[in-house]
C-alpha cells in the first residue's frame, strides 16, 4: 500500500507563512475541501466572490482558481485530496450545513482521518483512506441536499473561462487584452464582468495570480530574482520589481529576506 497523498491542515496554519498564501488567486493540482467551524470571511472561486461563515463547507476541484480571507477568528480544517482515486464532484460546491447531526458526522470523520494519519498502527493507511472515502460520500450527500453548485450566469461563465485561461497563460506575459481577445470579448467587457462577479478588475486578478507565484518562488526556491521575473513573463527586472512592490509593499529581495 502506498503512502497516503492526502492531508489535513488547520485553516489558520495555511496562512502561517503569510496571509498571501491563502488570499491571493491561485489554483492547486489537487482537489480540496474547506470546513469552517468558526468565523467568517469572503472566498473567490473561479471569479465569483461570496461570503462564508461557521459550518460552511467549500469544495474546490483541482485546477480551479481561488483565494479566501482568513481572519484571526477563522478556524476549521482544510482537506487536500492529493492523488487519491475518489469520485469527487467536477464543479465547486458551497455547502451550508445547518443540521447539527451532519456537522457532527463531518467532525467525527475528519477526526478519524487525522487519527489514522498520526499513527503507525498496522493498516492505518487503509483506514485513513476508508474514512476519506466516507468524506467523499458525505460531500456527495450534502450536495444533493443543500449544496449550492456555483453555476454561473453569462457574466460568471465568462469570468470562469477567463480564470481558467489565465491559469494556463499567466506565465507567458499575456495581458488582459490578449486574453480577452482569445475569449472573443473586449478587455472593457471582461473587466466589467469581473467587477460584477468578484468586485475586482481583470488586471487585478491577473497580477494577483502572477505575484502570488512570484512570492511562492521567492519563498520556496533560490532562483535569482530576475530569473523569477522572466519566468512569469515580466519583460525586465525593473518592471517585475515595480509590479511586485506595488502589490506587496516590498521589493522582491526584501520579501525574500522576510521569509
Protein backbone atom coordinates (compact mmCIF):
# COMPACT_ATOMS: atom_id res chain seq x y z
CA UNK A 1 0.00 0.00 0.00
CA UNK A 2 1.44 3.37 -1.00
CA UNK A 3 1.82 6.23 1.45
CA UNK A 4 -1.32 8.42 1.54
CA UNK A 5 -1.02 11.55 -0.59
CA UNK A 6 -3.87 13.36 1.16
CA UNK A 7 -3.53 15.51 4.27
CA UNK A 8 -5.49 17.62 6.73
CA UNK A 9 -4.31 21.08 7.75
CA UNK A 10 -5.79 23.51 10.28
CA UNK A 11 -7.03 26.50 8.28
CA UNK A 12 -5.13 29.11 10.39
CA UNK A 13 -1.94 27.16 9.68
CA UNK A 14 -2.40 27.66 5.93
CA UNK A 15 -1.71 31.34 6.46
CA UNK A 16 1.18 30.79 8.87
CA UNK A 17 3.71 31.74 6.20
CA UNK A 18 1.76 34.88 5.27
CA UNK A 19 -1.89 35.57 4.53
CA UNK A 20 -0.97 35.94 0.86
CA UNK A 21 -0.69 32.15 0.75
CA UNK A 22 -4.47 31.84 1.01
CA UNK A 23 -5.79 35.23 -0.08
CA UNK A 24 -4.04 35.58 -3.44
CA UNK A 25 -5.53 33.98 -6.54
CA UNK A 26 -4.04 30.57 -7.28
CA UNK A 27 -5.06 27.05 -8.21
CA UNK A 28 -3.96 23.68 -6.90
CA UNK A 29 -3.14 20.44 -8.67
CA UNK A 30 -5.39 18.58 -6.21
CA UNK A 31 -8.98 18.99 -5.05
CA UNK A 32 -9.54 20.47 -1.61
CA UNK A 33 -12.35 20.86 0.90
CA UNK A 34 -12.50 23.72 3.40
CA UNK A 35 -14.59 23.19 6.55
CA UNK A 36 -15.08 26.37 8.56
CA UNK A 37 -16.08 25.87 12.20
CA UNK A 38 -15.71 29.45 13.43
CA UNK A 39 -15.50 32.94 11.96
CA UNK A 40 -16.49 34.38 8.63
CA UNK A 41 -14.99 35.92 5.54
CA UNK A 42 -15.13 36.03 1.76
CA UNK A 43 -13.95 33.49 -0.77
CA UNK A 44 -13.46 33.86 -4.51
CA UNK A 45 -13.77 30.75 -6.68
CA UNK A 46 -13.38 30.88 -10.46
CA UNK A 47 -14.03 34.62 -10.38
CA UNK A 48 -17.12 34.51 -8.13
CA UNK A 49 -16.92 36.06 -4.67
CA UNK A 50 -19.28 35.11 -1.86
CA UNK A 51 -19.31 35.09 1.93
CA UNK A 52 -18.70 32.10 4.16
CA UNK A 53 -19.37 31.60 7.86
CA UNK A 54 -19.21 28.87 10.50
CA UNK A 55 -20.46 25.42 9.43
CA UNK A 56 -19.84 26.15 5.76
CA UNK A 57 -18.01 23.61 3.63
CA UNK A 58 -16.37 24.70 0.37
CA UNK A 59 -15.32 22.09 -2.16
CA UNK A 60 -12.84 23.24 -4.84
CA UNK A 61 -11.84 20.88 -7.70
CA UNK A 62 -8.25 20.68 -8.89
CA UNK A 63 -7.20 23.45 -11.26
CA UNK A 64 -9.89 25.93 -10.16
CA UNK A 65 -8.51 29.36 -9.25
CA UNK A 66 -9.47 30.62 -5.81
CA UNK A 67 -8.45 32.70 -2.82
CA UNK A 68 -10.08 33.36 0.54
CA UNK A 69 -9.79 35.55 3.62
CA UNK A 70 -8.50 34.05 6.87
CA UNK A 71 -9.02 36.48 9.73
CA UNK A 72 -7.83 35.97 13.30
CA UNK A 73 -11.17 34.46 14.33
CA UNK A 74 -11.42 31.92 11.50
CA UNK A 75 -10.94 28.26 12.42
CA UNK A 76 -11.54 24.97 10.66
CA UNK A 77 -9.88 22.24 8.64
CA UNK A 78 -8.63 22.04 5.06
CA UNK A 79 -8.58 18.62 3.39
CA UNK A 80 -6.24 18.21 0.43
CA UNK A 81 -7.15 15.07 -1.50
CA UNK A 82 -3.77 14.54 -3.15
CA UNK A 83 -3.71 11.89 -5.87
CA UNK A 84 -6.27 9.61 -4.26
CA UNK A 85 -8.67 7.88 -6.66
CA UNK A 86 -12.04 9.16 -5.42
CA UNK A 87 -15.27 10.00 -7.20
CA UNK A 88 -15.27 13.71 -6.35
CA UNK A 89 -17.57 16.40 -7.81
CA UNK A 90 -16.47 18.09 -11.03
CA UNK A 91 -17.78 21.53 -10.01
CA UNK A 92 -17.15 23.76 -6.98
CA UNK A 93 -19.67 23.49 -4.15
CA UNK A 94 -20.72 25.73 -1.28
CA UNK A 95 -22.36 23.66 1.47
CA UNK A 96 -24.18 25.46 4.30
CA UNK A 97 -24.55 22.75 6.95
CA UNK A 98 -27.35 23.72 9.32
CA UNK A 99 -28.16 20.27 10.73
CA UNK A 100 -26.21 19.58 13.92
CA UNK A 101 -26.12 15.85 13.16
CA UNK A 102 -24.46 16.50 9.77
CA UNK A 103 -21.92 18.82 11.39
CA UNK A 104 -21.06 16.20 14.00
CA UNK A 105 -20.83 13.46 11.37
CA UNK A 106 -18.29 15.50 9.42
CA UNK A 107 -16.24 16.37 12.51
CA UNK A 108 -16.10 12.70 13.54
CA UNK A 109 -14.94 11.70 10.04
CA UNK A 110 -12.21 14.36 9.96
CA UNK A 111 -11.02 13.34 13.44
CA UNK A 112 -10.88 9.70 12.33
CA UNK A 113 -8.81 10.54 9.23
CA UNK A 114 -6.33 12.58 11.26
CA UNK A 115 -6.09 9.93 13.98
CA UNK A 116 -5.18 7.25 11.42
CA UNK A 117 -2.67 9.53 9.70
CA UNK A 118 -0.99 10.22 13.05
CA UNK A 119 -0.44 6.58 13.98
CA UNK A 120 1.75 3.77 12.66
CA UNK A 121 -0.68 1.03 13.68
CA UNK A 122 -0.84 -1.71 11.02
CA UNK A 123 -3.42 -0.86 8.39
CA UNK A 124 -3.61 2.82 9.36
CA UNK A 125 -3.20 3.90 5.73
CA UNK A 126 -6.13 1.69 4.65
CA UNK A 127 -8.25 3.02 7.49
CA UNK A 128 -7.40 6.63 6.65
CA UNK A 129 -8.35 6.04 3.01
CA UNK A 130 -11.61 4.40 4.08
CA UNK A 131 -12.54 7.42 6.18
CA UNK A 132 -11.52 9.72 3.31
CA UNK A 133 -13.94 7.77 1.10
CA UNK A 134 -16.66 8.39 3.69
CA UNK A 135 -15.85 12.11 3.49
CA UNK A 136 -16.35 12.00 -0.29
CA UNK A 137 -19.73 10.29 0.27
CA UNK A 138 -20.67 12.91 2.89
CA UNK A 139 -19.90 15.70 0.41
CA UNK A 140 -21.97 13.98 -2.28
CA UNK A 141 -24.95 13.55 0.04
CA UNK A 142 -24.82 17.09 1.38
CA UNK A 143 -24.51 18.45 -2.15
CA UNK A 144 -27.71 16.62 -3.08
CA UNK A 145 -29.50 18.05 -0.03
CA UNK A 146 -28.22 21.59 0.43
CA UNK A 147 -25.32 22.28 -1.85
CA UNK A 148 -25.03 25.39 -3.95
CA UNK A 149 -23.27 24.43 -7.14
CA UNK A 150 -21.66 27.59 -8.40
CA UNK A 151 -23.47 27.56 -11.74
CA UNK A 152 -22.85 30.89 -13.40
CA UNK A 153 -24.90 33.31 -15.47
CA UNK A 154 -23.39 34.78 -18.65
CA UNK A 155 -21.03 37.13 -16.80
CA UNK A 156 -19.91 34.45 -14.36
CA UNK A 157 -19.37 31.97 -17.20
CA UNK A 158 -17.10 34.48 -18.94
CA UNK A 159 -15.10 35.19 -15.79
CA UNK A 160 -14.82 31.45 -15.11
CA UNK A 161 -13.43 30.95 -18.63
CA UNK A 162 -11.08 33.89 -18.05
CA UNK A 163 -9.67 32.45 -14.81
CA UNK A 164 -9.16 29.06 -16.47
CA UNK A 165 -7.35 30.66 -19.42
CA UNK A 166 -5.38 32.87 -17.06
CA UNK A 167 -4.17 29.80 -15.16
CA UNK A 168 -2.85 28.39 -18.43
CA UNK A 169 -1.25 31.64 -19.64
CA UNK A 170 -0.20 33.77 -16.66
CA UNK A 171 3.47 32.86 -17.13
CA UNK A 172 3.60 33.99 -20.75
CA UNK A 173 3.35 37.75 -20.26
CA UNK A 174 -0.05 37.84 -21.99
CA UNK A 175 -2.08 40.88 -20.92
CA UNK A 176 -5.78 41.27 -20.29
CA UNK A 177 -6.30 42.45 -23.88
CA UNK A 178 -4.64 39.30 -25.22
CA UNK A 179 -6.71 37.01 -23.00
CA UNK A 180 -9.93 38.91 -23.75
CA UNK A 181 -9.27 38.56 -27.48
CA UNK A 182 -8.84 34.80 -27.07
CA UNK A 183 -12.19 34.73 -25.29
CA UNK A 184 -13.83 36.72 -28.09
CA UNK A 185 -14.67 39.80 -25.99
CA UNK A 186 -13.21 43.24 -25.37
CA UNK A 187 -11.00 43.96 -22.39
CA UNK A 188 -13.57 46.52 -21.23
CA UNK A 189 -16.38 43.97 -21.24
CA UNK A 190 -14.20 41.39 -19.49
CA UNK A 191 -13.27 43.86 -16.76
CA UNK A 192 -16.91 44.88 -16.31
CA UNK A 193 -17.88 41.23 -15.79
CA UNK A 194 -15.01 40.66 -13.35
CA UNK A 195 -16.10 43.64 -11.27
CA UNK A 196 -19.67 42.36 -11.33
CA UNK A 197 -18.81 38.84 -10.13
CA UNK A 198 -15.98 39.47 -7.67
CA UNK A 199 -15.53 43.22 -7.26
CA UNK A 200 -12.10 43.26 -8.88
CA UNK A 201 -10.83 44.16 -12.32
CA UNK A 202 -9.41 41.65 -14.77
CA UNK A 203 -5.92 43.13 -14.47
CA UNK A 204 -6.13 42.89 -10.67
CA UNK A 205 -6.91 39.17 -10.91
CA UNK A 206 -4.11 38.58 -13.40
CA UNK A 207 -1.50 40.50 -11.42
CA UNK A 208 -2.60 38.82 -8.20
CA UNK A 209 -2.03 35.41 -9.79
CA UNK A 210 1.38 36.34 -11.16
CA UNK A 211 2.59 37.97 -7.95
CA UNK A 212 1.33 35.03 -5.85
CA UNK A 213 3.54 32.76 -7.94
CA UNK A 214 6.43 35.20 -7.58
CA UNK A 215 6.07 35.22 -3.79
CA UNK A 216 5.88 31.44 -3.71
CA UNK A 217 9.05 31.10 -5.79
CA UNK A 218 10.89 33.73 -3.74
CA UNK A 219 9.92 31.96 -0.51
CA UNK A 220 10.45 28.37 -1.63
CA UNK A 221 13.28 28.46 -4.17
CA UNK A 222 16.74 30.00 -4.52
CA UNK A 223 16.25 31.16 -8.10
CA UNK A 224 17.62 34.66 -8.79
CA UNK A 225 15.05 37.45 -8.68
CA UNK A 226 15.49 38.36 -12.35
CA UNK A 227 15.04 34.73 -13.39
CA UNK A 228 11.78 34.53 -11.42
CA UNK A 229 10.52 37.67 -13.14
CA UNK A 230 11.42 36.32 -16.56
CA UNK A 231 9.69 33.01 -15.85
CA UNK A 232 6.46 34.91 -15.12
CA UNK A 233 6.51 36.96 -18.31
CA UNK A 234 7.90 40.23 -16.95
CA UNK A 235 9.99 41.78 -19.70
CA UNK A 236 12.55 43.42 -17.41
CA UNK A 237 13.78 43.11 -13.85
CA UNK A 238 12.77 46.72 -13.18
CA UNK A 239 9.20 46.12 -14.35
CA UNK A 240 8.98 42.99 -12.20
CA UNK A 241 10.26 44.88 -9.14
CA UNK A 242 7.80 47.75 -9.66
CA UNK A 243 4.84 45.41 -10.11
CA UNK A 244 5.83 43.28 -7.11
CA UNK A 245 6.38 46.27 -4.85
CA UNK A 246 3.11 47.90 -5.94
CA UNK A 247 1.12 44.83 -4.87
CA UNK A 248 3.08 43.73 -1.79
CA UNK A 249 4.68 46.90 -0.45
CA UNK A 250 8.15 45.33 -0.54
CA UNK A 251 10.78 44.66 -3.17
CA UNK A 252 11.32 41.02 -4.23
CA UNK A 253 14.66 40.96 -2.39
CA UNK A 254 13.18 42.39 0.81
CA UNK A 255 10.27 39.96 0.63
CA UNK A 256 12.67 37.01 0.25
CA UNK A 257 14.66 38.14 3.30
CA UNK A 258 11.44 38.38 5.33
CA UNK A 259 10.61 34.75 4.52
